[in-house]
Amino acid sequence: QPANQDQLTAAEDSRRRAVHQQTKRMDTTNLPQLLMQNLNHPHWKVVGERCLSCTNCTMVCPTCFCCSVDEVPDLNTGRVERQRQWDSCFHAEFSALNGRPVRDDIPSRYRQWLTHKLATWHDQFGTSGCVGCGRCITWCPVGIDITEEVVAFRETGP
């Protein structure tokens, strides 16, 4: 059944409160170009040295969708079931090809995640992969803040 006016008003009030709680801001002006022009920037190593590759950011992000596909045999029936499991691009094994990881260090995995989220997502979906919820900031055990990382690239990039 459709929402009544009281429910619509309550939903709008909740939305308005949520907007006011979002205090972090990110300058997205030419952000995809900035990140793609700085793929070899030394700051990737700096943030990569702090990152634990714990996957908290990807597990709480409402737009992350990385998954792995495994074939699980059932020895009783002789059947094999293909299962898709939620995964993270921060796992070294996630990018493995022919048994070896393509991105074998944390800085390269962090760069992949951030450039996908804030740059190449535009090519893929026509919008940013960041909804501004701040969950990745909240749940990072070492305090990495993507809004501050963007500022660092703006201050030191070309």
Protein backbone atom coordinates (compact mmCIF):
# COMPACT_ATOMS: atom_id res chain seq x y z
CA GLN A 1 0.00 0.00 0.00
CA PRO A 2 1.29 3.51 -0.75
CA ALA A 3 2.76 5.64 2.04
CA ASN A 4 0.39 8.08 3.67
CA GLN A 5 1.14 11.77 4.20
CA ASP A 6 2.42 11.26 7.78
CA GLN A 7 4.87 8.60 6.56
CA LEU A 8 6.04 10.80 3.69
CA THR A 9 6.57 13.71 6.07
CA ALA A 10 8.52 11.50 8.50
CA ALA A 11 10.68 10.19 5.65
CA GLU A 12 11.44 13.72 4.45
CA ASP A 13 12.31 14.79 8.01
CA SER A 14 14.70 11.83 8.30
CA ARG A 15 16.31 12.70 4.98
CA ARG A 16 16.75 16.32 6.01
CA ARG A 17 18.36 15.32 9.33
CA ALA A 18 20.72 12.93 7.52
CA VAL A 19 21.83 15.68 5.13
CA HIS A 20 22.68 17.96 8.06
CA GLN A 21 24.70 15.18 9.72
CA GLN A 22 26.96 14.88 6.69
CA THR A 23 29.72 17.32 7.53
CA LYS A 24 32.45 16.00 5.22
CA ARG A 25 32.65 17.48 1.76
CA MET A 26 34.63 16.39 -1.28
CA ASP A 27 35.48 18.66 -4.19
CA THR A 28 34.59 16.49 -7.18
CA THR A 29 35.54 19.05 -9.82
CA ASN A 30 37.48 17.15 -12.51
CA LEU A 31 38.14 14.42 -9.95
CA PRO A 32 38.19 11.51 -12.43
CA GLN A 33 40.80 13.31 -14.55
CA LEU A 34 42.86 14.24 -11.48
CA LEU A 35 43.03 10.66 -10.23
CA MET A 36 43.70 9.12 -13.64
CA GLN A 37 46.52 11.61 -14.28
CA ASN A 38 48.13 10.62 -10.97
CA LEU A 39 48.24 6.83 -11.18
CA ASN A 40 51.97 6.84 -10.39
CA HIS A 41 51.82 9.57 -7.75
CA PRO A 42 53.91 8.89 -4.60
CA HIS A 43 50.87 9.56 -2.39
CA TRP A 44 49.48 6.10 -3.26
CA LYS A 45 52.46 4.63 -1.39
CA VAL A 46 51.91 6.97 1.58
CA VAL A 47 48.27 5.97 2.04
CA GLY A 48 49.10 2.34 1.22
CA GLU A 49 51.54 2.24 4.12
CA ARG A 50 48.70 3.21 6.48
CA CYS A 51 46.05 0.92 4.97
CA LEU A 52 45.72 -2.49 6.62
CA SER A 53 43.82 -3.98 3.68
CA CYS A 54 41.24 -5.07 6.26
CA THR A 55 38.35 -4.63 3.76
CA ASN A 56 36.18 -2.70 6.24
CA CYS A 57 35.66 0.11 3.72
CA THR A 58 34.46 -2.23 0.99
CA MET A 59 32.25 -4.26 3.32
CA VAL A 60 30.31 -1.20 4.52
CA CYS A 61 30.18 0.68 1.21
CA PRO A 62 26.66 0.61 -0.25
CA THR A 63 28.01 0.60 -3.82
CA CYS A 64 30.84 -1.96 -3.58
CA PHE A 65 29.91 -5.13 -5.42
CA CYS A 66 33.13 -7.12 -5.90
CA CYS A 67 32.58 -10.83 -5.72
CA SER A 68 34.37 -14.10 -6.33
CA VAL A 69 32.95 -17.15 -8.03
CA ASP A 70 33.77 -20.58 -6.65
CA GLU A 71 32.72 -24.02 -7.77
CA VAL A 72 31.75 -26.11 -4.76
CA PRO A 73 31.54 -29.87 -5.26
CA ASP A 74 29.01 -32.02 -3.42
CA LEU A 75 30.71 -35.38 -2.97
CA ASN A 76 27.43 -37.09 -2.07
CA THR A 77 25.66 -36.20 -5.31
CA GLY A 78 28.62 -35.71 -7.64
CA ARG A 79 27.26 -32.29 -8.57
CA VAL A 80 29.11 -29.01 -8.57
CA GLU A 81 27.43 -25.77 -7.64
CA ARG A 82 28.78 -22.44 -8.81
CA GLN A 83 28.51 -19.90 -5.99
CA ARG A 84 29.10 -16.18 -6.05
CA GLN A 85 30.44 -14.77 -2.79
CA TRP A 86 30.88 -11.18 -1.74
CA ASP A 87 34.58 -10.34 -1.85
CA SER A 88 36.82 -7.30 -1.70
CA CYS A 89 39.27 -5.82 -4.17
CA PHE A 90 41.55 -5.31 -1.15
CA HIS A 91 42.31 -9.04 -1.00
CA ALA A 92 45.47 -9.86 -2.95
CA GLU A 93 43.82 -13.01 -4.30
CA PHE A 94 40.94 -11.01 -5.77
CA SER A 95 43.04 -9.79 -8.69
CA ALA A 96 44.84 -13.09 -9.22
CA LEU A 97 45.32 -14.31 -12.77
CA ASN A 98 46.97 -17.65 -13.37
CA GLY A 99 47.61 -17.99 -9.64
CA ARG A 100 49.43 -14.68 -9.18
CA PRO A 101 47.94 -11.37 -8.00
CA VAL A 102 47.87 -8.52 -10.50
CA ARG A 103 47.88 -6.02 -7.63
CA ASP A 104 50.28 -7.59 -5.17
CA ASP A 105 50.74 -4.65 -2.80
CA ILE A 106 48.36 -2.55 -0.73
CA PRO A 107 49.08 0.78 -2.49
CA SER A 108 48.05 -0.71 -5.85
CA ARG A 109 44.88 -2.20 -4.36
CA TYR A 110 43.98 1.08 -2.64
CA ARG A 111 44.61 2.94 -5.90
CA GLN A 112 42.35 0.50 -7.76
CA TRP A 113 39.56 0.93 -5.21
CA LEU A 114 39.72 4.73 -5.05
CA THR A 115 40.09 5.30 -8.79
CA HIS A 116 37.24 2.91 -9.50
CA LYS A 117 35.01 4.52 -6.89
CA LEU A 118 35.74 8.14 -7.85
CA ALA A 119 36.92 8.01 -11.49
CA THR A 120 36.22 5.00 -13.70
CA TRP A 121 32.80 4.42 -12.11
CA HIS A 122 31.74 7.46 -14.16
CA ASP A 123 32.66 5.60 -17.36
CA GLN A 124 30.88 2.49 -16.18
CA PHE A 125 27.69 3.95 -14.71
CA GLY A 126 27.62 7.66 -15.57
CA THR A 127 27.93 8.82 -11.95
CA SER A 128 30.25 8.63 -8.96
CA GLY A 129 30.62 5.42 -7.00
CA CYS A 130 30.65 7.41 -3.76
CA VAL A 131 27.30 8.33 -2.25
CA GLY A 132 28.89 10.43 0.51
CA CYS A 133 27.70 8.28 3.41
CA GLY A 134 31.10 8.29 5.17
CA ARG A 135 30.93 4.64 6.22
CA CYS A 136 34.40 3.95 4.81
CA ILE A 137 35.76 6.77 6.97
CA THR A 138 33.88 5.65 10.08
CA TRP A 139 34.95 2.01 9.86
CA CYS A 140 38.60 2.50 8.87
CA PRO A 141 40.64 1.35 11.89
CA VAL A 142 43.59 3.59 10.93
CA GLY A 143 41.52 6.68 10.12
CA ILE A 144 41.97 6.91 6.36
CA ASP A 145 39.54 9.54 5.10
CA ILE A 146 38.88 9.58 1.36
CA THR A 147 37.93 13.25 1.47
CA GLU A 148 41.39 14.02 2.85
CA GLU A 149 43.03 11.75 0.27
CA VAL A 150 41.36 13.72 -2.52
CA VAL A 151 42.63 16.96 -0.96
CA ALA A 152 46.16 15.49 -0.87
CA PHE A 153 46.01 14.72 -4.60
CA ARG A 154 44.65 18.18 -5.35
CA GLU A 155 47.47 19.81 -3.38
CA THR A 156 50.29 17.71 -4.85
CA GLY A 157 48.99 16.60 -8.27
CA PRO A 158 49.67 18.16 -11.67
